[in-house]
Protein backbone atom coordinates (compact mmCIF):
# COMPACT_ATOMS: atom_id res chain seq x y z
CA MET A 1 -42.35 -54.53 57.97
CA LEU A 2 -45.04 -55.93 55.94
CA TYR A 3 -44.91 -59.22 57.94
CA LEU A 4 -44.98 -57.35 61.19
CA LEU A 5 -48.02 -55.30 60.01
CA LYS A 6 -49.90 -58.44 59.14
CA ASN A 7 -48.74 -60.62 62.03
CA GLN A 8 -48.45 -58.05 64.83
CA THR A 9 -45.54 -59.79 66.51
CA MET A 10 -42.84 -62.08 65.22
CA ARG A 11 -39.88 -63.91 66.46
CA PHE A 12 -36.57 -63.79 64.80
CA SER A 13 -36.88 -67.34 63.50
CA ASP A 14 -40.35 -66.58 62.07
CA LEU A 15 -38.86 -63.66 60.23
CA GLN A 16 -36.10 -65.85 58.88
CA LYS A 17 -38.71 -68.28 57.59
CA VAL A 18 -40.57 -65.77 55.60
CA LEU A 19 -37.41 -64.13 54.36
CA PRO A 20 -35.24 -67.02 53.42
CA GLU A 21 -33.11 -65.06 50.93
CA ILE A 22 -31.69 -62.81 53.67
CA SER A 23 -28.79 -63.88 55.91
CA LYS A 24 -29.17 -64.00 59.63
CA LYS A 25 -26.58 -61.29 59.89
CA MET A 26 -28.31 -58.96 57.36
CA LEU A 27 -31.72 -59.63 59.06
CA SER A 28 -30.32 -58.77 62.44
CA LYS A 29 -28.66 -55.60 61.14
CA ASN A 30 -31.90 -54.52 59.48
CA LEU A 31 -33.98 -55.16 62.56
CA LYS A 32 -31.49 -53.18 64.72
CA GLU A 33 -31.72 -50.24 62.25
CA LEU A 34 -35.56 -50.33 62.31
CA GLU A 35 -35.35 -50.43 66.16
CA GLU A 36 -32.97 -47.45 66.11
CA ASP A 37 -35.46 -45.58 63.94
CA ASP A 38 -38.31 -46.27 66.34
CA LEU A 39 -40.19 -48.27 63.74
CA ILE A 40 -40.09 -51.62 65.59
CA THR A 41 -39.64 -52.72 69.30
CA ARG A 42 -37.58 -55.65 70.30
CA THR A 43 -38.80 -57.59 73.45
CA VAL A 44 -36.51 -60.14 75.04
CA TYR A 45 -38.06 -62.65 77.49
CA PRO A 46 -35.81 -64.12 80.18
CA THR A 47 -36.08 -67.63 79.08
CA VAL A 48 -33.56 -70.32 78.04
CA PRO A 49 -32.98 -70.12 75.20
CA PRO A 50 -33.83 -66.41 75.04
CA LYS A 51 -37.13 -65.53 73.37
CA VAL A 52 -36.98 -62.33 71.30
CA GLU A 53 -40.03 -60.86 69.59
CA TYR A 54 -40.37 -57.92 67.29
CA SER A 55 -43.40 -55.70 66.72
CA LEU A 56 -44.18 -52.35 65.21
CA THR A 57 -44.15 -49.25 67.29
CA GLU A 58 -47.05 -46.83 67.13
CA HIS A 59 -44.82 -44.65 64.98
CA GLY A 60 -44.12 -47.69 62.69
CA LYS A 61 -47.77 -48.46 62.35
CA GLU A 62 -48.25 -45.09 60.68
CA LEU A 63 -46.62 -46.57 57.61
CA GLU A 64 -49.42 -49.27 57.11
CA ASP A 65 -51.30 -47.41 54.40
CA ILE A 66 -48.05 -46.62 52.54
CA ILE A 67 -46.73 -50.16 52.70
CA ASP A 68 -50.22 -51.62 51.76
CA SER A 69 -50.24 -49.30 48.72
CA LEU A 70 -46.75 -50.26 47.65
CA HIS A 71 -47.64 -53.95 48.00
CA LYS A 72 -50.81 -53.69 45.88
CA TRP A 73 -48.83 -51.67 43.20
CA GLY A 74 -46.14 -54.32 43.31
CA LEU A 75 -48.70 -57.01 42.50
CA ARG A 76 -50.30 -55.00 39.74
CA HIS A 77 -46.78 -54.31 38.31
CA GLN A 78 -46.09 -58.07 38.24
CA GLN A 79 -49.30 -58.61 36.29
CA HIS A 80 -48.37 -55.80 33.93
CA LEU A 81 -44.99 -57.31 33.27
CA SER A 82 -46.39 -60.85 32.79
CA LYS A 83 -48.76 -59.42 30.15
CA LYS A 84 -45.80 -58.02 28.18
CA ALA A 85 -43.92 -61.34 28.14
């Protein structure tokens, strides 16, 4: 969701590139769950090959401040751990 917050709209292949550690099957499953929870929207364009884009819903955008705070904390936590090593 962080990538969708920052990029507004992303294609499946773009999400795969920024999340190389996740399999296509797992990414697809997670996107479907987020769509079912009304956090993202999936737009399919009638092209060959099909073009599919994902973006946050208005409801999903409400998480922006929370996700930003978690991201900032994660960065601070990494610095904290590196000082201990």
